[in-house]
Amino acid sequence: MSDYELPPLPYDYDALEPHISEQVLTWHHDTHHQGYVNGWNSAEETLADNRESGDYSSTAGALGDVTHNGSGHILHTLFWQSMSPEGGDEPSGALADRIEEDFGSYEGWKGEFEAAASAAGGWALLVYDSHSEQLRNVAVDKHDQGALWGSHPILALDVWEHSYYYDYGPDRGDFVDNFFEVVDWEEPSARFEQAVERFE
């Protein structure tokens, strides 16, 4: 059975200021993200115990805990990797070309992504849809509701209130605007190229 662990932030806790405060990153990473790691490990342990004992009375709940907490862990890891203090530029190379092809322009993609961020009850994601072989924006509620089967996250933006309320109050739009000041396209570009290599 896997024992999932919280990865360290790829930068210092104060590295994204003034766009995201040190306090928010500390709470968000050390408490919230750690909670999803703990929840996934606990759910896996419950499933393993149930298989061994043959008592499946708590299995349905544990299965839901796997998708919720596992997706929370995966998406938070992508979220941290999607930002850096050197961020703020637009994408380049193959990802930029595909964004223009699939959305008409970078501005067309960004406008749709911001709409997803305003509507989502959890995450706005840029994903590569392996079925249609194109990029899509999706609005995901919680961590696992509204995702598209066969899609691979390229860029992740957490819009749960704990990601912005301390810094921005109820102004989610201001937080989304500031996210673009720290987006680092290196990791998303690499994820896109890996997905294309695998599926096209």
N, C-alpha and C. Protein backbone atom coordinates (compact mmCIF):
# COMPACT_ATOMS: atom_id res chain seq x y z
N MET A 1 0.84 -1.19 0.00
CA MET A 1 0.00 0.00 0.00
C MET A 1 0.88 1.24 0.00
N SER A 2 0.52 2.21 -0.81
CA SER A 2 1.29 3.44 -0.89
C SER A 2 1.12 4.27 0.37
N ASP A 3 2.19 4.98 0.74
CA ASP A 3 2.14 5.92 1.85
C ASP A 3 2.44 7.29 1.26
N TYR A 4 1.40 8.08 1.04
CA TYR A 4 1.57 9.36 0.36
C TYR A 4 2.13 10.39 1.33
N GLU A 5 2.97 11.28 0.81
CA GLU A 5 3.63 12.27 1.64
C GLU A 5 3.44 13.66 1.04
N LEU A 6 3.45 14.66 1.91
CA LEU A 6 3.33 16.05 1.48
C LEU A 6 4.65 16.50 0.85
N PRO A 7 4.64 16.91 -0.42
CA PRO A 7 5.88 17.40 -1.01
C PRO A 7 6.17 18.80 -0.50
N PRO A 8 7.45 19.17 -0.39
CA PRO A 8 7.75 20.55 0.04
C PRO A 8 7.36 21.53 -1.05
N LEU A 9 7.08 22.77 -0.63
CA LEU A 9 6.87 23.82 -1.62
C LEU A 9 8.13 23.99 -2.46
N PRO A 10 7.99 24.29 -3.75
CA PRO A 10 9.18 24.46 -4.59
C PRO A 10 9.80 25.86 -4.47
N TYR A 11 9.39 26.62 -3.45
CA TYR A 11 9.92 27.97 -3.22
C TYR A 11 9.63 28.30 -1.76
N ASP A 12 10.19 29.40 -1.27
CA ASP A 12 9.97 29.81 0.12
C ASP A 12 8.52 30.25 0.32
N TYR A 13 8.06 30.20 1.56
CA TYR A 13 6.68 30.54 1.87
C TYR A 13 6.34 32.00 1.55
N ASP A 14 7.34 32.87 1.58
CA ASP A 14 7.08 34.28 1.29
C ASP A 14 7.42 34.66 -0.14
N ALA A 15 7.73 33.67 -0.99
CA ALA A 15 8.26 33.95 -2.33
C ALA A 15 7.23 34.54 -3.28
N LEU A 16 5.94 34.33 -3.02
CA LEU A 16 4.91 34.81 -3.94
C LEU A 16 4.27 36.11 -3.48
N GLU A 17 4.77 36.70 -2.41
CA GLU A 17 4.24 37.98 -1.96
C GLU A 17 4.58 39.07 -2.99
N PRO A 18 3.73 40.08 -3.19
CA PRO A 18 2.51 40.37 -2.43
C PRO A 18 1.26 39.68 -2.98
N HIS A 19 1.41 38.82 -3.98
CA HIS A 19 0.24 38.24 -4.64
C HIS A 19 -0.41 37.16 -3.78
N ILE A 20 0.40 36.35 -3.11
CA ILE A 20 -0.09 35.36 -2.15
C ILE A 20 0.80 35.46 -0.92
N SER A 21 0.20 35.68 0.22
CA SER A 21 0.99 35.97 1.42
C SER A 21 1.65 34.72 1.99
N GLU A 22 2.69 34.97 2.77
CA GLU A 22 3.38 33.89 3.48
C GLU A 22 2.41 33.15 4.39
N GLN A 23 1.53 33.88 5.06
CA GLN A 23 0.58 33.24 5.96
C GLN A 23 -0.35 32.28 5.22
N VAL A 24 -0.86 32.71 4.08
CA VAL A 24 -1.76 31.85 3.31
C VAL A 24 -1.04 30.61 2.82
N LEU A 25 0.18 30.77 2.29
CA LEU A 25 0.92 29.60 1.81
C LEU A 25 1.22 28.64 2.95
N THR A 26 1.53 29.17 4.13
CA THR A 26 1.83 28.30 5.28
C THR A 26 0.59 27.50 5.67
N TRP A 27 -0.54 28.19 5.84
CA TRP A 27 -1.77 27.47 6.18
C TRP A 27 -2.17 26.49 5.08
N HIS A 28 -2.14 26.99 3.86
CA HIS A 28 -2.66 26.23 2.73
C HIS A 28 -1.84 24.96 2.50
N HIS A 29 -0.53 25.10 2.51
CA HIS A 29 0.33 23.95 2.27
C HIS A 29 0.43 23.04 3.49
N ASP A 30 0.79 23.61 4.63
CA ASP A 30 1.12 22.78 5.80
C ASP A 30 -0.11 22.19 6.48
N THR A 31 -1.25 22.86 6.38
CA THR A 31 -2.46 22.37 7.05
C THR A 31 -3.44 21.75 6.06
N HIS A 32 -3.88 22.53 5.06
CA HIS A 32 -4.89 22.01 4.14
C HIS A 32 -4.35 20.87 3.28
N HIS A 33 -3.23 21.10 2.62
CA HIS A 33 -2.70 20.05 1.75
C HIS A 33 -2.33 18.82 2.58
N GLN A 34 -1.71 19.03 3.74
CA GLN A 34 -1.37 17.89 4.60
C GLN A 34 -2.62 17.10 4.97
N GLY A 35 -3.73 17.79 5.16
CA GLY A 35 -4.98 17.10 5.50
C GLY A 35 -5.43 16.15 4.40
N TYR A 36 -5.25 16.54 3.14
CA TYR A 36 -5.63 15.66 2.04
C TYR A 36 -4.71 14.46 1.96
N VAL A 37 -3.42 14.67 2.21
CA VAL A 37 -2.48 13.54 2.24
C VAL A 37 -2.88 12.57 3.34
N ASN A 38 -3.15 13.09 4.53
CA ASN A 38 -3.56 12.23 5.64
C ASN A 38 -4.86 11.50 5.33
N GLY A 39 -5.81 12.22 4.72
CA GLY A 39 -7.09 11.61 4.39
C GLY A 39 -6.97 10.49 3.38
N TRP A 40 -6.08 10.67 2.40
CA TRP A 40 -5.87 9.62 1.39
C TRP A 40 -5.24 8.39 2.03
N ASN A 41 -4.21 8.60 2.85
CA ASN A 41 -3.56 7.47 3.51
C ASN A 41 -4.55 6.73 4.41
N SER A 42 -5.38 7.47 5.14
CA SER A 42 -6.36 6.84 6.02
C SER A 42 -7.37 6.03 5.23
N ALA A 43 -7.83 6.57 4.10
CA ALA A 43 -8.81 5.86 3.28
C ALA A 43 -8.21 4.57 2.70
N GLU A 44 -6.97 4.65 2.26
CA GLU A 44 -6.32 3.45 1.72
C GLU A 44 -6.16 2.39 2.81
N GLU A 45 -5.85 2.82 4.02
CA GLU A 45 -5.72 1.88 5.13
C GLU A 45 -7.06 1.22 5.44
N THR A 46 -8.13 2.00 5.41
CA THR A 46 -9.47 1.44 5.64
C THR A 46 -9.82 0.41 4.58
N LEU A 47 -9.56 0.73 3.31
CA LEU A 47 -9.85 -0.22 2.24
C LEU A 47 -9.06 -1.51 2.40
N ALA A 48 -7.79 -1.39 2.74
CA ALA A 48 -6.95 -2.58 2.93
C ALA A 48 -7.46 -3.43 4.09
N ASP A 49 -7.83 -2.77 5.19
CA ASP A 49 -8.36 -3.51 6.35
C ASP A 49 -9.68 -4.21 5.99
N ASN A 50 -10.53 -3.53 5.21
CA ASN A 50 -11.81 -4.13 4.84
C ASN A 50 -11.63 -5.34 3.95
N ARG A 51 -10.68 -5.26 3.01
CA ARG A 51 -10.40 -6.42 2.15
C ARG A 51 -9.91 -7.61 2.97
N GLU A 52 -9.09 -7.33 3.95
CA GLU A 52 -8.53 -8.41 4.77
C GLU A 52 -9.60 -9.04 5.67
N SER A 53 -10.47 -8.19 6.23
CA SER A 53 -11.47 -8.70 7.18
C SER A 53 -12.73 -9.22 6.50
N GLY A 54 -12.97 -8.75 5.27
CA GLY A 54 -14.20 -9.11 4.59
C GLY A 54 -15.40 -8.30 5.03
N ASP A 55 -15.17 -7.28 5.85
CA ASP A 55 -16.23 -6.39 6.30
C ASP A 55 -16.17 -5.12 5.46
N TYR A 56 -17.17 -4.94 4.60
CA TYR A 56 -17.15 -3.81 3.67
C TYR A 56 -18.14 -2.71 4.06
N SER A 57 -18.52 -2.66 5.32
CA SER A 57 -19.53 -1.69 5.76
C SER A 57 -19.04 -0.25 5.65
N SER A 58 -17.74 -0.02 5.74
CA SER A 58 -17.20 1.34 5.64
C SER A 58 -16.51 1.59 4.30
N THR A 59 -16.64 0.65 3.37
CA THR A 59 -15.90 0.77 2.11
C THR A 59 -16.41 1.90 1.23
N ALA A 60 -17.73 2.09 1.14
CA ALA A 60 -18.26 3.14 0.26
C ALA A 60 -17.73 4.51 0.66
N GLY A 61 -17.72 4.78 1.95
CA GLY A 61 -17.18 6.06 2.41
C GLY A 61 -15.71 6.20 2.12
N ALA A 62 -14.96 5.12 2.30
CA ALA A 62 -13.52 5.17 2.04
C ALA A 62 -13.23 5.38 0.56
N LEU A 63 -14.04 4.78 -0.31
CA LEU A 63 -13.84 5.00 -1.75
C LEU A 63 -14.03 6.48 -2.10
N GLY A 64 -15.06 7.11 -1.51
CA GLY A 64 -15.25 8.53 -1.73
C GLY A 64 -14.11 9.36 -1.17
N ASP A 65 -13.56 8.91 -0.04
CA ASP A 65 -12.43 9.63 0.56
C ASP A 65 -11.18 9.52 -0.32
N VAL A 66 -11.02 8.41 -1.02
CA VAL A 66 -9.88 8.27 -1.92
C VAL A 66 -9.95 9.29 -3.05
N THR A 67 -11.11 9.40 -3.70
CA THR A 67 -11.20 10.33 -4.83
C THR A 67 -11.12 11.78 -4.36
N HIS A 68 -11.75 12.10 -3.23
CA HIS A 68 -11.73 13.47 -2.73
C HIS A 68 -10.32 13.87 -2.27
N ASN A 69 -9.76 13.08 -1.38
CA ASN A 69 -8.46 13.43 -0.83
C ASN A 69 -7.32 13.18 -1.81
N GLY A 70 -7.43 12.11 -2.60
CA GLY A 70 -6.40 11.85 -3.60
C GLY A 70 -6.35 12.95 -4.64
N SER A 71 -7.53 13.36 -5.13
CA SER A 71 -7.57 14.45 -6.09
C SER A 71 -7.10 15.75 -5.47
N GLY A 72 -7.44 15.98 -4.20
CA GLY A 72 -6.97 17.17 -3.51
C GLY A 72 -5.47 17.21 -3.42
N HIS A 73 -4.86 16.09 -3.11
CA HIS A 73 -3.39 16.01 -3.04
C HIS A 73 -2.76 16.25 -4.40
N ILE A 74 -3.27 15.59 -5.42
CA ILE A 74 -2.71 15.72 -6.77
C ILE A 74 -2.84 17.15 -7.28
N LEU A 75 -4.03 17.74 -7.14
CA LEU A 75 -4.25 19.08 -7.67
C LEU A 75 -3.46 20.13 -6.90
N HIS A 76 -3.35 19.99 -5.58
CA HIS A 76 -2.53 20.95 -4.83
C HIS A 76 -1.07 20.88 -5.26
N THR A 77 -0.57 19.68 -5.48
CA THR A 77 0.81 19.55 -5.94
C THR A 77 1.00 20.27 -7.28
N LEU A 78 0.04 20.11 -8.20
CA LEU A 78 0.11 20.82 -9.48
C LEU A 78 0.00 22.33 -9.28
N PHE A 79 -0.85 22.76 -8.35
CA PHE A 79 -1.02 24.18 -8.07
C PHE A 79 0.29 24.82 -7.64
N TRP A 80 0.98 24.19 -6.68
CA TRP A 80 2.28 24.75 -6.25
C TRP A 80 3.26 24.81 -7.42
N GLN A 81 3.26 23.78 -8.24
CA GLN A 81 4.20 23.71 -9.36
C GLN A 81 3.84 24.68 -10.49
N SER A 82 2.61 25.17 -10.49
CA SER A 82 2.16 26.09 -11.54
C SER A 82 2.57 27.53 -11.26
N MET A 83 3.20 27.77 -10.13
CA MET A 83 3.57 29.14 -9.74
C MET A 83 5.04 29.22 -9.38
N SER A 84 5.58 30.43 -9.47
CA SER A 84 6.93 30.70 -8.98
C SER A 84 7.11 32.20 -8.87
N PRO A 85 8.10 32.66 -8.09
CA PRO A 85 8.36 34.10 -8.01
C PRO A 85 8.86 34.68 -9.33
N GLU A 86 9.30 33.83 -10.26
CA GLU A 86 9.74 34.28 -11.58
C GLU A 86 8.62 34.20 -12.62
N GLY A 87 7.41 33.91 -12.18
CA GLY A 87 6.29 33.74 -13.09
C GLY A 87 5.73 35.05 -13.58
N GLY A 88 4.62 34.96 -14.29
CA GLY A 88 3.93 36.14 -14.76
C GLY A 88 3.93 36.32 -16.26
N ASP A 89 4.70 35.51 -16.97
CA ASP A 89 4.74 35.62 -18.43
C ASP A 89 3.62 34.81 -19.06
N GLU A 90 3.49 34.93 -20.36
CA GLU A 90 2.57 34.09 -21.12
C GLU A 90 3.29 32.83 -21.56
N PRO A 91 2.54 31.77 -21.89
CA PRO A 91 3.19 30.54 -22.35
C PRO A 91 3.90 30.75 -23.68
N SER A 92 4.82 29.86 -23.97
CA SER A 92 5.56 29.92 -25.23
C SER A 92 5.66 28.52 -25.81
N GLY A 93 6.23 28.41 -26.99
CA GLY A 93 6.49 27.11 -27.59
C GLY A 93 5.24 26.35 -27.96
N ALA A 94 5.32 25.02 -27.82
CA ALA A 94 4.23 24.14 -28.28
C ALA A 94 2.93 24.41 -27.55
N LEU A 95 2.99 24.71 -26.24
CA LEU A 95 1.77 24.97 -25.50
C LEU A 95 1.11 26.26 -25.98
N ALA A 96 1.88 27.29 -26.22
CA ALA A 96 1.32 28.54 -26.73
C ALA A 96 0.66 28.33 -28.09
N ASP A 97 1.31 27.54 -28.95
CA ASP A 97 0.74 27.26 -30.27
C ASP A 97 -0.59 26.52 -30.15
N ARG A 98 -0.65 25.54 -29.22
CA ARG A 98 -1.88 24.77 -29.08
C ARG A 98 -2.99 25.60 -28.45
N ILE A 99 -2.64 26.47 -27.51
CA ILE A 99 -3.65 27.37 -26.93
C ILE A 99 -4.27 28.22 -28.03
N GLU A 100 -3.43 28.75 -28.92
CA GLU A 100 -3.95 29.57 -30.01
C GLU A 100 -4.82 28.74 -30.95
N GLU A 101 -4.40 27.50 -31.20
CA GLU A 101 -5.17 26.63 -32.10
C GLU A 101 -6.51 26.25 -31.50
N ASP A 102 -6.52 25.91 -30.22
CA ASP A 102 -7.74 25.38 -29.60
C ASP A 102 -8.67 26.46 -29.06
N PHE A 103 -8.14 27.65 -28.74
CA PHE A 103 -8.96 28.71 -28.15
C PHE A 103 -9.01 29.97 -29.01
N GLY A 104 -8.26 30.01 -30.09
CA GLY A 104 -8.26 31.17 -30.97
C GLY A 104 -7.18 32.17 -30.65
N SER A 105 -6.84 32.30 -29.37
CA SER A 105 -5.79 33.22 -28.92
C SER A 105 -5.53 32.97 -27.45
N TYR A 106 -4.44 33.50 -26.95
CA TYR A 106 -4.17 33.44 -25.51
C TYR A 106 -5.26 34.17 -24.75
N GLU A 107 -5.69 35.32 -25.26
CA GLU A 107 -6.73 36.09 -24.59
C GLU A 107 -8.04 35.32 -24.55
N GLY A 108 -8.34 34.58 -25.63
CA GLY A 108 -9.54 33.75 -25.64
C GLY A 108 -9.49 32.66 -24.60
N TRP A 109 -8.30 32.03 -24.47
CA TRP A 109 -8.14 31.01 -23.43
C TRP A 109 -8.28 31.62 -22.05
N LYS A 110 -7.60 32.74 -21.81
CA LYS A 110 -7.59 33.35 -20.49
C LYS A 110 -8.98 33.79 -20.06
N GLY A 111 -9.75 34.38 -20.99
CA GLY A 111 -11.10 34.78 -20.65
C GLY A 111 -11.96 33.61 -20.23
N GLU A 112 -11.84 32.49 -20.95
CA GLU A 112 -12.62 31.30 -20.61
C GLU A 112 -12.15 30.69 -19.30
N PHE A 113 -10.82 30.69 -19.06
CA PHE A 113 -10.27 30.16 -17.82
C PHE A 113 -10.74 30.98 -16.62
N GLU A 114 -10.76 32.29 -16.77
CA GLU A 114 -11.26 33.15 -15.70
C GLU A 114 -12.74 32.89 -15.42
N ALA A 115 -13.51 32.62 -16.47
CA ALA A 115 -14.93 32.28 -16.28
C ALA A 115 -15.06 30.97 -15.51
N ALA A 116 -14.19 30.00 -15.81
CA ALA A 116 -14.20 28.74 -15.06
C ALA A 116 -13.85 28.99 -13.60
N ALA A 117 -12.88 29.87 -13.37
CA ALA A 117 -12.46 30.18 -12.00
C ALA A 117 -13.57 30.86 -11.21
N SER A 118 -14.38 31.67 -11.87
CA SER A 118 -15.47 32.35 -11.18
C SER A 118 -16.62 31.41 -10.88
N ALA A 119 -16.77 30.35 -11.68
CA ALA A 119 -17.90 29.43 -11.52
C ALA A 119 -17.58 28.23 -10.64
N ALA A 120 -16.32 27.86 -10.56
CA ALA A 120 -15.95 26.61 -9.89
C ALA A 120 -16.14 26.70 -8.38
N GLY A 121 -16.49 25.55 -7.80
CA GLY A 121 -16.53 25.44 -6.36
C GLY A 121 -15.30 24.72 -5.85
N GLY A 122 -14.20 24.86 -6.53
CA GLY A 122 -12.97 24.18 -6.12
C GLY A 122 -11.77 24.56 -6.97
N TRP A 123 -11.83 24.23 -8.27
CA TRP A 123 -10.66 24.38 -9.12
C TRP A 123 -11.04 24.85 -10.52
N ALA A 124 -10.20 25.70 -11.09
CA ALA A 124 -10.21 25.96 -12.53
C ALA A 124 -8.98 25.25 -13.09
N LEU A 125 -9.20 24.42 -14.11
CA LEU A 125 -8.11 23.63 -14.68
C LEU A 125 -8.04 23.81 -16.18
N LEU A 126 -6.82 23.93 -16.68
CA LEU A 126 -6.55 23.74 -18.10
C LEU A 126 -6.10 22.30 -18.23
N VAL A 127 -6.81 21.53 -19.05
CA VAL A 127 -6.51 20.11 -19.18
C VAL A 127 -6.29 19.76 -20.64
N TYR A 128 -5.56 18.66 -20.84
CA TYR A 128 -5.45 18.08 -22.18
C TYR A 128 -6.41 16.90 -22.25
N ASP A 129 -7.39 17.00 -23.14
CA ASP A 129 -8.40 15.97 -23.33
C ASP A 129 -7.87 14.96 -24.34
N SER A 130 -7.54 13.77 -23.87
CA SER A 130 -6.93 12.77 -24.74
C SER A 130 -7.92 12.18 -25.74
N HIS A 131 -9.22 12.30 -25.49
CA HIS A 131 -10.21 11.77 -26.43
C HIS A 131 -10.34 12.65 -27.67
N SER A 132 -10.46 13.95 -27.46
CA SER A 132 -10.58 14.87 -28.60
C SER A 132 -9.23 15.44 -29.02
N GLU A 133 -8.18 15.11 -28.25
CA GLU A 133 -6.83 15.58 -28.53
C GLU A 133 -6.80 17.10 -28.63
N GLN A 134 -7.33 17.74 -27.59
CA GLN A 134 -7.30 19.19 -27.55
C GLN A 134 -7.28 19.66 -26.10
N LEU A 135 -6.93 20.93 -25.93
CA LEU A 135 -6.94 21.55 -24.62
C LEU A 135 -8.36 22.00 -24.29
N ARG A 136 -8.70 21.93 -23.01
CA ARG A 136 -10.00 22.40 -22.54
C ARG A 136 -9.81 23.07 -21.18
N ASN A 137 -10.69 24.02 -20.88
CA ASN A 137 -10.83 24.54 -19.52
C ASN A 137 -11.99 23.82 -18.86
N VAL A 138 -11.83 23.46 -17.60
CA VAL A 138 -12.91 22.83 -16.85
C VAL A 138 -13.02 23.49 -15.47
N ALA A 139 -14.24 23.59 -14.98
CA ALA A 139 -14.53 24.08 -13.63
C ALA A 139 -14.88 22.86 -12.78
N VAL A 140 -14.07 22.59 -11.76
CA VAL A 140 -14.24 21.40 -10.94
C VAL A 140 -14.72 21.80 -9.56
N ASP A 141 -15.80 21.20 -9.11
CA ASP A 141 -16.28 21.43 -7.75
C ASP A 141 -15.59 20.46 -6.80
N LYS A 142 -15.33 20.99 -5.60
CA LYS A 142 -14.55 20.25 -4.61
C LYS A 142 -13.23 19.86 -5.29
N HIS A 143 -12.89 18.57 -5.33
CA HIS A 143 -11.66 18.16 -6.03
C HIS A 143 -11.93 17.20 -7.18
N ASP A 144 -13.15 16.67 -7.23
CA ASP A 144 -13.37 15.53 -8.12
C ASP A 144 -14.73 15.53 -8.79
N GLN A 145 -15.42 16.67 -8.78
CA GLN A 145 -16.75 16.74 -9.41
C GLN A 145 -16.71 17.71 -10.58
N GLY A 146 -16.95 17.20 -11.76
CA GLY A 146 -16.91 18.03 -12.96
C GLY A 146 -15.68 17.80 -13.80
N ALA A 147 -14.80 16.92 -13.37
CA ALA A 147 -13.62 16.57 -14.16
C ALA A 147 -14.05 15.74 -15.37
N LEU A 148 -13.20 15.70 -16.36
CA LEU A 148 -13.49 14.97 -17.60
C LEU A 148 -12.62 13.73 -17.67
N TRP A 149 -13.24 12.57 -17.82
CA TRP A 149 -12.48 11.33 -17.93
C TRP A 149 -11.50 11.41 -19.10
N GLY A 150 -10.30 10.93 -18.89
CA GLY A 150 -9.30 10.90 -19.94
C GLY A 150 -8.59 12.22 -20.14
N SER A 151 -8.82 13.18 -19.24
CA SER A 151 -8.14 14.46 -19.37
C SER A 151 -6.98 14.52 -18.37
N HIS A 152 -5.98 15.31 -18.73
CA HIS A 152 -4.76 15.40 -17.93
C HIS A 152 -4.53 16.86 -17.57
N PRO A 153 -4.52 17.19 -16.27
CA PRO A 153 -4.36 18.59 -15.86
C PRO A 153 -3.02 19.16 -16.33
N ILE A 154 -3.10 20.36 -16.90
CA ILE A 154 -1.92 21.07 -17.36
C ILE A 154 -1.60 22.23 -16.44
N LEU A 155 -2.62 22.98 -16.06
CA LEU A 155 -2.49 24.14 -15.17
C LEU A 155 -3.62 24.09 -14.16
N ALA A 156 -3.30 24.31 -12.88
CA ALA A 156 -4.30 24.21 -11.82
C ALA A 156 -4.36 25.50 -11.02
N LEU A 157 -5.58 25.99 -10.81
CA LEU A 157 -5.82 27.16 -9.96
C LEU A 157 -6.83 26.79 -8.89
N ASP A 158 -6.41 26.86 -7.64
CA ASP A 158 -7.27 26.57 -6.50
C ASP A 158 -8.11 27.80 -6.18
N VAL A 159 -9.44 27.66 -6.26
CA VAL A 159 -10.32 28.77 -5.93
C VAL A 159 -11.21 28.45 -4.73
N TRP A 160 -10.82 27.47 -3.92
CA TRP A 160 -11.45 27.31 -2.61
C TRP A 160 -11.18 28.59 -1.81
N GLU A 161 -12.09 28.95 -0.92
CA GLU A 161 -11.94 30.20 -0.18
C GLU A 161 -10.66 30.23 0.65
N HIS A 162 -10.19 29.07 1.12
CA HIS A 162 -8.98 29.11 1.95
C HIS A 162 -7.74 29.55 1.15
N SER A 163 -7.82 29.55 -0.18
CA SER A 163 -6.67 29.94 -0.98
C SER A 163 -6.56 31.45 -1.15
N TYR A 164 -7.62 32.19 -0.84
CA TYR A 164 -7.57 33.63 -1.10
C TYR A 164 -8.25 34.53 -0.07
N TYR A 165 -9.11 34.01 0.79
CA TYR A 165 -9.95 34.88 1.61
C TYR A 165 -9.14 35.73 2.58
N TYR A 166 -8.06 35.18 3.13
CA TYR A 166 -7.23 35.93 4.07
C TYR A 166 -6.60 37.13 3.38
N ASP A 167 -6.19 36.97 2.14
CA ASP A 167 -5.52 38.05 1.40
C ASP A 167 -6.49 38.98 0.69
N TYR A 168 -7.58 38.46 0.16
CA TYR A 168 -8.45 39.23 -0.73
C TYR A 168 -9.89 39.37 -0.25
N GLY A 169 -10.23 38.76 0.87
CA GLY A 169 -11.62 38.76 1.30
C GLY A 169 -12.48 38.05 0.26
N PRO A 170 -13.69 38.52 0.00
CA PRO A 170 -14.56 37.82 -0.94
C PRO A 170 -14.26 38.10 -2.40
N ASP A 171 -13.21 38.87 -2.70
CA ASP A 171 -12.91 39.26 -4.08
C ASP A 171 -12.10 38.18 -4.78
N ARG A 172 -12.77 37.12 -5.19
CA ARG A 172 -12.08 36.03 -5.89
C ARG A 172 -11.45 36.52 -7.19
N GLY A 173 -12.13 37.42 -7.89
CA GLY A 173 -11.61 37.91 -9.16
C GLY A 173 -10.26 38.58 -9.02
N ASP A 174 -10.05 39.32 -7.94
CA ASP A 174 -8.77 39.97 -7.69
C ASP A 174 -7.69 38.92 -7.46
N PHE A 175 -8.04 37.87 -6.74
CA PHE A 175 -7.10 36.77 -6.53
C PHE A 175 -6.73 36.11 -7.86
N VAL A 176 -7.71 35.86 -8.71
CA VAL A 176 -7.44 35.24 -10.01
C VAL A 176 -6.53 36.13 -10.84
N ASP A 177 -6.79 37.43 -10.83
CA ASP A 177 -5.91 38.36 -11.56
C ASP A 177 -4.48 38.25 -11.08
N ASN A 178 -4.30 38.16 -9.77
CA ASN A 178 -2.96 38.09 -9.20
C ASN A 178 -2.30 36.74 -9.41
N PHE A 179 -3.10 35.70 -9.58
CA PHE A 179 -2.54 34.39 -9.92
C PHE A 179 -1.73 34.48 -11.20
N PHE A 180 -2.22 35.25 -12.17
CA PHE A 180 -1.50 35.37 -13.43
C PHE A 180 -0.18 36.12 -13.30
N GLU A 181 0.02 36.81 -12.17
CA GLU A 181 1.29 37.47 -11.91
C GLU A 181 2.37 36.51 -11.44
N VAL A 182 1.97 35.30 -11.03
CA VAL A 182 2.94 34.32 -10.54
C VAL A 182 2.89 33.00 -11.30
N VAL A 183 2.04 32.89 -12.33
CA VAL A 183 2.01 31.66 -13.12
C VAL A 183 3.38 31.43 -13.76
N ASP A 184 3.89 30.24 -13.60
CA ASP A 184 5.14 29.84 -14.24
C ASP A 184 4.79 28.73 -15.23
N TRP A 185 4.96 29.00 -16.51
CA TRP A 185 4.49 28.09 -17.55
C TRP A 185 5.46 26.94 -17.84
N GLU A 186 6.58 26.88 -17.16
CA GLU A 186 7.55 25.82 -17.45
C GLU A 186 6.98 24.44 -17.15
N GLU A 187 6.43 24.27 -15.95
CA GLU A 187 5.85 22.97 -15.57
C GLU A 187 4.62 22.62 -16.40
N PRO A 188 3.66 23.54 -16.57
CA PRO A 188 2.52 23.22 -17.44
C PRO A 188 2.94 22.85 -18.86
N SER A 189 3.94 23.54 -19.39
CA SER A 189 4.41 23.22 -20.74
C SER A 189 4.97 21.80 -20.81
N ALA A 190 5.70 21.42 -19.79
CA ALA A 190 6.26 20.07 -19.76
C ALA A 190 5.15 19.03 -19.65
N ARG A 191 4.13 19.30 -18.84
CA ARG A 191 3.02 18.36 -18.70
C ARG A 191 2.26 18.23 -20.02
N PHE A 192 2.08 19.35 -20.72
CA PHE A 192 1.40 19.31 -22.01
C PHE A 192 2.19 18.46 -23.00
N GLU A 193 3.48 18.66 -23.09
CA GLU A 193 4.29 17.92 -24.04
C GLU A 193 4.30 16.43 -23.72
N GLN A 194 4.28 16.07 -22.44
CA GLN A 194 4.21 14.66 -22.05
C GLN A 194 2.88 14.05 -22.48
N ALA A 195 1.80 14.80 -22.28
CA ALA A 195 0.48 14.29 -22.66
C ALA A 195 0.38 14.10 -24.17
N VAL A 196 0.85 15.06 -24.93
CA VAL A 196 0.80 14.95 -26.39
C VAL A 196 1.64 13.78 -26.88
N GLU A 197 2.81 13.61 -26.29
CA GLU A 197 3.69 12.51 -26.70
C GLU A 197 3.04 11.17 -26.44
N ARG A 198 2.25 11.11 -25.37
CA ARG A 198 1.62 9.84 -25.01
C ARG A 198 0.40 9.52 -25.87
N PHE A 199 -0.37 10.54 -26.22
CA PHE A 199 -1.67 10.29 -26.81
C PHE A 199 -1.83 10.70 -28.28
N GLU A 200 -0.91 11.46 -28.83
CA GLU A 200 -1.08 11.85 -30.23
C GLU A 200 -0.08 11.11 -31.09
